[in-house]
Protein backbone atom coordinates (compact mmCIF):
# COMPACT_ATOMS: atom_id res chain seq x y z
CA UNK A 1 307.45 97.58 186.96
CA UNK A 2 307.22 94.72 185.48
CA UNK A 3 303.11 92.57 184.82
CA UNK A 4 302.90 88.62 184.62
CA UNK A 5 300.25 87.11 182.80
CA UNK A 6 299.60 83.96 183.20
CA UNK A 7 296.81 82.53 181.09
CA UNK A 8 294.77 79.25 180.78
CA UNK A 9 292.99 77.34 178.64
CA UNK A 10 291.12 74.85 179.03
CA UNK A 11 290.94 72.28 176.74
CA UNK A 12 287.88 71.05 177.37
CA UNK A 13 285.09 72.04 179.53
CA UNK A 14 283.11 70.64 182.60
CA UNK A 15 280.33 68.52 182.28
CA UNK A 16 277.51 71.40 183.48
CA UNK A 17 274.81 69.08 183.24
CA UNK A 18 275.89 65.36 184.91
CA UNK A 19 272.29 64.56 185.20
CA UNK A 20 271.55 65.04 181.56
CA UNK A 21 274.85 63.82 180.90
CA UNK A 22 273.67 60.29 182.71
CA UNK A 23 270.73 60.37 180.59
CA UNK A 24 272.65 60.37 177.34
CA UNK A 25 274.86 57.95 178.38
CA UNK A 26 272.18 55.43 179.08
CA UNK A 27 269.77 56.64 175.80
CA UNK A 28 273.35 55.21 174.03
CA UNK A 29 273.60 52.02 174.99
CA UNK A 30 270.20 51.14 174.75
CA UNK A 31 270.20 53.02 171.29
CA UNK A 32 273.49 50.31 170.85
CA UNK A 33 271.86 47.59 172.37
CA UNK A 34 268.75 47.91 170.31
CA UNK A 35 270.86 47.98 166.86
CA UNK A 36 272.70 44.51 167.86
CA UNK A 37 269.51 43.18 168.34
CA UNK A 38 268.02 44.19 165.19
CA UNK A 39 270.98 43.14 163.50
CA UNK A 40 270.63 40.03 165.14
CA UNK A 41 267.27 39.61 164.01
CA UNK A 42 267.61 40.58 160.23
CA UNK A 43 270.53 38.30 159.55
CA UNK A 44 268.39 35.24 160.84
CA UNK A 45 265.46 36.35 159.06
CA UNK A 46 267.75 36.48 156.34
CA UNK A 47 269.20 32.96 157.01
CA UNK A 48 265.35 31.66 156.82
CA UNK A 49 264.95 33.12 153.12
CA UNK A 50 268.02 31.97 151.34
CA UNK A 51 267.64 27.87 153.18
CA UNK A 52 264.03 28.08 152.54
CA UNK A 53 265.05 30.23 148.78
CA UNK A 54 267.06 26.26 148.29
CA UNK A 55 264.19 23.74 148.42
CA UNK A 56 262.93 23.27 145.14
CA UNK A 57 259.57 22.25 143.98
CA UNK A 58 259.53 19.31 141.37
CA UNK A 59 255.74 19.13 140.83
CA UNK A 60 253.51 21.12 141.39
CA UNK A 61 249.62 19.67 142.27
CA UNK A 62 246.65 21.90 142.94
CA UNK A 63 248.88 24.49 144.22
CA UNK A 64 251.13 22.27 146.81
CA UNK A 65 254.75 21.26 146.18
CA UNK A 66 255.74 18.03 146.21
CA UNK A 67 259.65 16.48 145.96
CA UNK A 68 258.39 12.81 144.42
CA UNK A 69 255.92 11.53 142.37
CA UNK A 70 255.12 8.09 140.99
CA UNK A 71 252.81 6.68 138.54
CA UNK A 72 249.18 5.44 140.78
CA UNK A 73 248.43 1.68 140.20
CA UNK A 74 245.04 2.01 141.29
CA UNK A 75 245.03 0.77 144.60
CA UNK A 76 247.27 2.70 147.07
CA UNK A 77 248.33 6.37 147.56
CA UNK A 78 250.52 8.10 150.52
CA UNK A 79 249.57 11.78 148.61
CA UNK A 80 247.92 13.12 146.10
CA UNK A 81 246.32 11.87 143.64
CA UNK A 82 245.97 13.50 140.03
CA UNK A 83 245.26 12.02 137.36
CA UNK A 84 247.65 9.20 137.03
CA UNK A 85 250.45 9.59 139.93
CA UNK A 86 250.27 9.42 143.14
CA UNK A 87 252.73 12.91 144.52
CA UNK A 88 254.61 13.30 147.96
CA UNK A 89 257.84 14.80 149.98
């Protein structure tokens, strides 16, 4: 008398909680989208900071930055007068 034993081993278990798995799937997608949005916002902020850092401040008068300076002739100044000069952008 011979007995044949047939054993089958599952390679993966079946999902026992489909509703829970669905919730985890939605949470995973939400976190992925949030990560992409945060990355895009950080890249935009970095670009703004780097481009504004490239701006040069040639003249500083009363804490403000001006790029041009002309000798003030006593008649007309289109910017800010300080001493013998007129400063403007």
